[in-house]
Every structure is written in structure tokens, then in C-alpha cells.
PDB file of N, CA and C in Angstrom:
ATOM      1  N   MET A   1     -34.031-138.470 304.150  1.00  0.00           N
ATOM      2  CA  MET A   1     -33.861-137.720 302.915  1.00  0.00           C
ATOM      3  C   MET A   1     -35.243-137.465 302.310  1.00  0.00           C
ATOM      4  N   ARG A   2     -35.444-136.234 301.852  1.00  0.00           N
ATOM      5  CA  ARG A   2     -36.698-135.859 301.202  1.00  0.00           C
ATOM      6  C   ARG A   2     -36.435-135.646 299.720  1.00  0.00           C
ATOM      7  N   LYS A   3     -37.419-135.974 298.914  1.00  0.00           N
ATOM      8  CA  LYS A   3     -37.339-135.725 297.475  1.00  0.00           C
ATOM      9  C   LYS A   3     -38.581-134.958 297.064  1.00  0.00           C
ATOM     10  N   TYR A   4     -38.387-133.903 296.268  1.00  0.00           N
ATOM     11  CA  TYR A   4     -39.497-133.099 295.793  1.00  0.00           C
ATOM     12  C   TYR A   4     -39.356-132.862 294.292  1.00  0.00           C
ATOM     13  N   VAL A   5     -40.477-132.771 293.623  1.00  0.00           N
ATOM     14  CA  VAL A   5     -40.493-132.396 292.214  1.00  0.00           C
ATOM     15  C   VAL A   5     -40.322-130.882 292.137  1.00  0.00           C
ATOM     16  N   VAL A   6     -39.354-130.447 291.336  1.00  0.00           N
ATOM     17  CA  VAL A   6     -39.119-129.022 291.105  1.00  0.00           C
ATOM     18  C   VAL A   6     -39.472-128.733 289.652  1.00  0.00           C
ATOM     19  N   LEU A   7     -40.322-127.748 289.448  1.00  0.00           N
ATOM     20  CA  LEU A   7     -40.718-127.362 288.096  1.00  0.00           C
ATOM     21  C   LEU A   7     -39.986-126.097 287.693  1.00  0.00           C
ATOM     22  N   PHE A   8     -39.416-126.122 286.493  1.00  0.00           N
ATOM     23  CA  PHE A   8     -38.691-124.974 285.947  1.00  0.00           C
ATOM     24  C   PHE A   8     -39.468-124.432 284.757  1.00  0.00           C
ATOM     25  N   GLU A   9     -39.560-123.116 284.687  1.00  0.00           N
ATOM     26  CA  GLU A   9     -40.235-122.466 283.563  1.00  0.00           C
ATOM     27  C   GLU A   9     -39.316-121.404 282.986  1.00  0.00           C
ATOM     28  N   LYS A  10     -39.174-121.439 281.661  1.00  0.00           N
ATOM     29  CA  LYS A  10     -38.375-120.434 280.974  1.00  0.00           C
ATOM     30  C   LYS A  10     -39.285-119.269 280.601  1.00  0.00           C
ATOM     31  N   SER A  11     -38.768-118.055 280.785  1.00  0.00           N
ATOM     32  CA  SER A  11     -39.516-116.854 280.408  1.00  0.00           C
ATOM     33  C   SER A  11     -38.593-115.932 279.620  1.00  0.00           C
ATOM     34  N   GLU A  12     -39.092-114.798 279.224  1.00  0.00           N
ATOM     35  CA  GLU A  12     -38.274-113.821 278.504  1.00  0.00           C
ATOM     36  C   GLU A  12     -37.135-113.297 279.372  1.00  0.00           C
ATOM     37  N   ASP A  13     -37.332-113.293 280.685  1.00  0.00           N
ATOM     38  CA  ASP A  13     -36.349-112.722 281.608  1.00  0.00           C
ATOM     39  C   ASP A  13     -35.397-113.745 282.220  1.00  0.00           C
ATOM     40  N   GLY A  14     -35.600-115.016 281.975  1.00  0.00           N
ATOM     41  CA  GLY A  14     -34.749-116.043 282.572  1.00  0.00           C
ATOM     42  C   GLY A  14     -35.552-117.280 282.909  1.00  0.00           C
ATOM     43  N   TYR A  15     -35.376-117.758 284.139  1.00  0.00           N
ATOM     44  CA  TYR A  15     -36.047-118.977 284.587  1.00  0.00           C
ATOM     45  C   TYR A  15     -36.662-118.771 285.959  1.00  0.00           C
ATOM     46  N   SER A  16     -37.717-119.516 286.200  1.00  0.00           N
ATOM     47  CA  SER A  16     -38.300-119.575 287.536  1.00  0.00           C
ATOM     48  C   SER A  16     -38.418-121.046 287.914  1.00  0.00           C
ATOM     49  N   ALA A  17     -38.486-121.300 289.203  1.00  0.00           N
ATOM     50  CA  ALA A  17     -38.636-122.662 289.702  1.00  0.00           C
ATOM     51  C   ALA A  17     -39.548-122.641 290.916  1.00  0.00           C
ATOM     52  N   TYR A  18     -40.335-123.704 291.057  1.00  0.00           N
ATOM     53  CA  TYR A  18     -41.205-123.815 292.223  1.00  0.00           C
ATOM     54  C   TYR A  18     -41.494-125.281 292.508  1.00  0.00           C
ATOM     55  N   LEU A  19     -41.992-125.534 293.701  1.00  0.00           N
ATOM     56  CA  LEU A  19     -42.322-126.889 294.139  1.00  0.00           C
ATOM     57  C   LEU A  19     -43.804-126.946 294.494  1.00  0.00           C
ATOM     58  N   PRO A  20     -44.583-127.728 293.784  1.00  0.00           N
ATOM     59  CA  PRO A  20     -46.002-127.846 294.135  1.00  0.00           C
ATOM     60  C   PRO A  20     -46.230-128.339 295.562  1.00  0.00           C
ATOM     61  N   ASP A  21     -45.306-129.142 296.082  1.00  0.00           N
ATOM     62  CA  ASP A  21     -45.460-129.691 297.433  1.00  0.00           C
ATOM     63  C   ASP A  21     -45.038-128.727 298.538  1.00  0.00           C
ATOM     64  N   LEU A  22     -44.347-127.636 298.179  1.00  0.00           N
ATOM     65  CA  LEU A  22     -43.929-126.637 299.165  1.00  0.00           C
ATOM     66  C   LEU A  22     -44.405-125.261 298.697  1.00  0.00           C
ATOM     67  N   PRO A  23     -45.684-124.964 298.868  1.00  0.00           N
ATOM     68  CA  PRO A  23     -46.204-123.669 298.416  1.00  0.00           C
ATOM     69  C   PRO A  23     -45.401-122.505 298.980  1.00  0.00           C
ATOM     70  N   GLY A  24     -45.092-121.558 298.113  1.00  0.00           N
ATOM     71  CA  GLY A  24     -44.347-120.381 298.526  1.00  0.00           C
ATOM     72  C   GLY A  24     -42.843-120.515 298.355  1.00  0.00           C
ATOM     73  N   CYS A  25     -42.370-121.694 298.030  1.00  0.00           N
ATOM     74  CA  CYS A  25     -40.940-121.914 297.826  1.00  0.00           C
ATOM     75  C   CYS A  25     -40.646-121.732 296.338  1.00  0.00           C
ATOM     76  N   VAL A  26     -40.037-120.591 296.004  1.00  0.00           N
ATOM     77  CA  VAL A  26     -39.793-120.250 294.603  1.00  0.00           C
ATOM     78  C   VAL A  26     -38.402-119.648 294.444  1.00  0.00           C
ATOM     79  N   ALA A  27     -37.923-119.633 293.210  1.00  0.00           N
ATOM     80  CA  ALA A  27     -36.644-118.994 292.898  1.00  0.00           C
ATOM     81  C   ALA A  27     -36.691-118.487 291.464  1.00  0.00           C
ATOM     82  N   PHE A  28     -35.904-117.451 291.201  1.00  0.00           N
ATOM     83  CA  PHE A  28     -35.816-116.861 289.866  1.00  0.00           C
ATOM     84  C   PHE A  28     -34.348-116.603 289.556  1.00  0.00           C
ATOM     85  N   GLY A  29     -33.946-116.872 288.306  1.00  0.00           N
ATOM     86  CA  GLY A  29     -32.568-116.621 287.921  1.00  0.00           C
ATOM     87  C   GLY A  29     -32.453-116.325 286.441  1.00  0.00           C
ATOM     88  N   ASP A  30     -31.286-115.853 286.044  1.00  0.00           N
ATOM     89  CA  ASP A  30     -31.044-115.531 284.641  1.00  0.00           C
ATOM     90  C   ASP A  30     -30.862-116.788 283.790  1.00  0.00           C
ATOM     91  N   THR A  31     -30.263-117.832 284.381  1.00  0.00           N
ATOM     92  CA  THR A  31     -30.042-119.085 283.669  1.00  0.00           C
ATOM     93  C   THR A  31     -30.666-120.229 284.453  1.00  0.00           C
ATOM     94  N   LYS A  32     -30.825-121.364 283.783  1.00  0.00           N
ATOM     95  CA  LYS A  32     -31.378-122.520 284.490  1.00  0.00           C
ATOM     96  C   LYS A  32     -30.423-122.971 285.591  1.00  0.00           C
ATOM     97  N   GLU A  33     -29.125-122.939 285.298  1.00  0.00           N
ATOM     98  CA  GLU A  33     -28.136-123.364 286.293  1.00  0.00           C
ATOM     99  C   GLU A  33     -28.202-122.483 287.542  1.00  0.00           C
ATOM    100  N   GLU A  34     -28.298-121.177 287.345  1.00  0.00           N
ATOM    101  CA  GLU A  34     -28.418-120.272 288.493  1.00  0.00           C
ATOM    102  C   GLU A  34     -29.703-120.554 289.261  1.00  0.00           C
ATOM    103  N   THR A  35     -30.779-120.785 288.542  1.00  0.00           N
ATOM    104  CA  THR A  35     -32.066-121.053 289.178  1.00  0.00           C
ATOM    105  C   THR A  35     -32.033-122.355 289.954  1.00  0.00           C
ATOM    106  N   GLU A  36     -31.341-123.363 289.437  1.00  0.00           N
ATOM    107  CA  GLU A  36     -31.196-124.629 290.160  1.00  0.00           C
ATOM    108  C   GLU A  36     -30.488-124.407 291.496  1.00  0.00           C
ATOM    109  N   GLU A  37     -29.429-123.625 291.489  1.00  0.00           N
ATOM    110  CA  GLU A  37     -28.707-123.333 292.727  1.00  0.00           C
ATOM    111  C   GLU A  37     -29.590-122.561 293.702  1.00  0.00           C
ATOM    112  N   LEU A  38     -30.314-121.589 293.180  1.00  0.00           N
ATOM    113  CA  LEU A  38     -31.160-120.758 294.041  1.00  0.00           C
ATOM    114  C   LEU A  38     -32.320-121.545 294.632  1.00  0.00           C
ATOM    115  N   ILE A  39     -32.938-122.431 293.849  1.00  0.00           N
ATOM    116  CA  ILE A  39     -34.079-123.183 294.378  1.00  0.00           C
ATOM    117  C   ILE A  39     -33.595-124.201 295.412  1.00  0.00           C
ATOM    118  N   TYR A  40     -32.401-124.740 295.231  1.00  0.00           N
ATOM    119  CA  TYR A  40     -31.848-125.657 296.222  1.00  0.00           C
ATOM    120  C   TYR A  40     -31.697-124.953 297.575  1.00  0.00           C
ATOM    121  N   GLU A  41     -31.136-123.765 297.544  1.00  0.00           N
ATOM    122  CA  GLU A  41     -30.991-122.975 298.774  1.00  0.00           C
ATOM    123  C   GLU A  41     -32.352-122.574 299.335  1.00  0.00           C
ATOM    124  N   ALA A  42     -33.289-122.235 298.448  1.00  0.00           N
ATOM    125  CA  ALA A  42     -34.636-121.845 298.887  1.00  0.00           C
ATOM    126  C   ALA A  42     -35.341-122.996 299.591  1.00  0.00           C
ATOM    127  N   ILE A  43     -35.162-124.208 299.075  1.00  0.00           N
ATOM    128  CA  ILE A  43     -35.791-125.378 299.698  1.00  0.00           C
ATOM    129  C   ILE A  43     -35.228-125.580 301.105  1.00  0.00           C
ATOM    130  N   LYS A  44     -33.905-125.533 301.233  1.00  0.00           N
ATOM    131  CA  LYS A  44     -33.297-125.694 302.558  1.00  0.00           C
ATOM    132  C   LYS A  44     -33.807-124.631 303.520  1.00  0.00           C
ATOM    133  N   PHE A  45     -33.832-123.377 303.070  1.00  0.00           N
ATOM    134  CA  PHE A  45     -34.287-122.268 303.907  1.00  0.00           C
ATOM    135  C   PHE A  45     -35.760-122.436 304.281  1.00  0.00           C
ATOM    136  N   HIS A  46     -36.581-122.839 303.330  1.00  0.00           N
ATOM    137  CA  HIS A  46     -38.017-123.017 303.546  1.00  0.00           C
ATOM    138  C   HIS A  46     -38.260-124.101 304.609  1.00  0.00           C
ATOM    139  N   ILE A  47     -37.590-125.235 304.454  1.00  0.00           N
ATOM    140  CA  ILE A  47     -37.776-126.338 305.402  1.00  0.00           C
ATOM    141  C   ILE A  47     -37.242-125.968 306.781  1.00  0.00           C
ATOM    142  N   GLU A  48     -36.085-125.305 306.843  1.00  0.00           N
ATOM    143  CA  GLU A  48     -35.545-124.862 308.134  1.00  0.00           C
ATOM    144  C   GLU A  48     -36.521-123.924 308.841  1.00  0.00           C
ATOM    145  N   GLY A  49     -37.136-123.026 308.093  1.00  0.00           N
ATOM    146  CA  GLY A  49     -38.107-122.107 308.670  1.00  0.00           C
ATOM    147  C   GLY A  49     -39.329-122.818 309.200  1.00  0.00           C
ATOM    148  N   MET A  50     -39.808-123.810 308.432  1.00  0.00           N
ATOM    149  CA  MET A  50     -40.964-124.578 308.889  1.00  0.00           C
ATOM    150  C   MET A  50     -40.638-125.349 310.160  1.00  0.00           C
ATOM    151  N   GLU A  51     -39.435-125.943 310.205  1.00  0.00           N
ATOM    152  CA  GLU A  51     -39.034-126.681 311.406  1.00  0.00           C
ATOM    153  C   GLU A  51     -38.915-125.742 312.612  1.00  0.00           C
ATOM    154  N   LYS A  52     -38.340-124.563 312.384  1.00  0.00           N
ATOM    155  CA  LYS A  52     -38.193-123.587 313.468  1.00  0.00           C
ATOM    156  C   LYS A  52     -39.550-123.164 314.021  1.00  0.00           C
ATOM    157  N   ASP A  53     -40.550-123.081 313.133  1.00  0.00           N
ATOM    158  CA  ASP A  53     -41.902-122.694 313.536  1.00  0.00           C
ATOM    159  C   ASP A  53     -42.742-123.885 313.977  1.00  0.00           C
ATOM    160  N   ASN A  54     -42.086-125.045 314.136  1.00  0.00           N
ATOM    161  CA  ASN A  54     -42.765-126.283 314.556  1.00  0.00           C
ATOM    162  C   ASN A  54     -43.906-126.671 313.624  1.00  0.00           C
ATOM    163  N   GLN A  55     -43.742-126.397 312.361  1.00  0.00           N
ATOM    164  CA  GLN A  55     -44.719-126.828 311.360  1.00  0.00           C
ATOM    165  C   GLN A  55     -44.288-128.175 310.802  1.00  0.00           C
ATOM    166  N   SER A  56     -45.254-128.989 310.445  1.00  0.00           N
ATOM    167  CA  SER A  56     -44.906-130.280 309.853  1.00  0.00           C
ATOM    168  C   SER A  56     -44.470-130.070 308.401  1.00  0.00           C
ATOM    169  N   ILE A  57     -43.472-130.808 307.993  1.00  0.00           N
ATOM    170  CA  ILE A  57     -42.960-130.720 306.632  1.00  0.00           C
ATOM    171  C   ILE A  57     -43.829-131.614 305.758  1.00  0.00           C
ATOM    172  N   PRO A  58     -44.434-131.046 304.716  1.00  0.00           N
ATOM    173  CA  PRO A  58     -45.323-131.862 303.892  1.00  0.00           C
ATOM    174  C   PRO A  58     -44.550-132.923 303.120  1.00  0.00           C
ATOM    175  N   PRO A  59     -45.140-134.105 303.010  1.00  0.00           N
ATOM    176  CA  PRO A  59     -44.484-135.135 302.216  1.00  0.00           C
ATOM    177  C   PRO A  59     -44.606-134.805 300.729  1.00  0.00           C
ATOM    178  N   SER A  60     -43.751-135.392 299.959  1.00  0.00           N
ATOM    179  CA  SER A  60     -43.843-135.225 298.513  1.00  0.00           C
ATOM    180  C   SER A  60     -44.965-136.118 297.995  1.00  0.00           C
ATOM    181  N   VAL A  61     -45.954-135.520 297.383  1.00  0.00           N
ATOM    182  CA  VAL A  61     -47.052-136.306 296.823  1.00  0.00           C
ATOM    183  C   VAL A  61     -47.164-136.105 295.311  1.00  0.00           C
ATOM    184  N   VAL A  62     -46.474-135.106 294.792  1.00  0.00           N
ATOM    185  CA  VAL A  62     -46.515-134.831 293.356  1.00  0.00           C
ATOM    186  C   VAL A  62     -45.566-135.784 292.637  1.00  0.00           C
ATOM    187  N   GLU A  63     -46.029-136.343 291.553  1.00  0.00           N
ATOM    188  CA  GLU A  63     -45.191-137.174 290.698  1.00  0.00           C
ATOM    189  C   GLU A  63     -45.130-136.526 289.329  1.00  0.00           C
ATOM    190  N   SER A  64     -44.094-136.838 288.595  1.00  0.00           N
ATOM    191  CA  SER A  64     -43.997-136.281 287.249  1.00  0.00           C
ATOM    192  C   SER A  64     -43.566-137.353 286.271  1.00  0.00           C
ATOM    193  N   GLU A  65     -43.910-137.110 285.044  1.00  0.00           N
ATOM    194  CA  GLU A  65     -43.523-138.001 283.968  1.00  0.00           C
ATOM    195  C   GLU A  65     -43.539-137.180 282.688  1.00  0.00           C
ATOM    196  N   ILE A  66     -42.598-137.455 281.828  1.00  0.00           N
ATOM    197  CA  ILE A  66     -42.583-136.776 280.542  1.00  0.00           C
ATOM    198  C   ILE A  66     -43.291-137.664 279.534  1.00  0.00           C
ATOM    199  N   MET A  67     -44.254-137.076 278.855  1.00  0.00           N
ATOM    200  CA  MET A  67     -44.997-137.800 277.839  1.00  0.00           C
ATOM    201  C   MET A  67     -44.745-137.126 276.493  1.00  0.00           C
ATOM    202  N   VAL A  68     -44.477-137.905 275.486  1.00  0.00           N
ATOM    203  CA  VAL A  68     -44.162-137.397 274.163  1.00  0.00           C
ATOM    204  C   VAL A  68     -45.341-137.632 273.231  1.00  0.00           C
ATOM    205  N   PHE A  69     -45.733-136.579 272.534  1.00  0.00           N
ATOM    206  CA  PHE A  69     -46.836-136.669 271.581  1.00  0.00           C
ATOM    207  C   PHE A  69     -46.348-136.267 270.198  1.00  0.00           C
ATOM    208  N   ASN A  70     -46.839-136.928 269.200  1.00  0.00           N
ATOM    209  CA  ASN A  70     -46.513-136.583 267.804  1.00  0.00           C
ATOM    210  C   ASN A  70     -47.644-135.809 267.182  1.00  0.00           C
TER     211      ASN A  70
END
């Protein structure tokens, strides 16, 4: 099982998502829920393509933490 950090960004047009550990793996949707579904499929497709091309799948090295400032 692989785990990756997925970053979501809200814009005027909806949401985007990307993975710092998988360059080029992105998704865009009208809602966050739609974007979550799309990025999940994009990750599977991205990894399948890399495996088909005999490329090594990069490990997850990005970590995240939420920090609160006053």
C-alpha cells in the first residue's frame, strides 16, 4: 500500500489537487468532493502508466502538518 500527500487548492472556478511526490498527477473539479474522486482515479492511472513504462514509483517523502497561528 502506498500513501501520498494530496494538496487541494480552492479557486474561483472550483478545486485543484496535486501530489508533490508524483509530478504531473493533477485533477480539477467543481467541488472538493468531485476533485477527490478525480485525483484518486488520476493517481491510479498515473501509477499504472509508470509501471507499464517500467518506471520506478517514487516513494512518498512529503509530510504535512497543520500549524495554527494567532
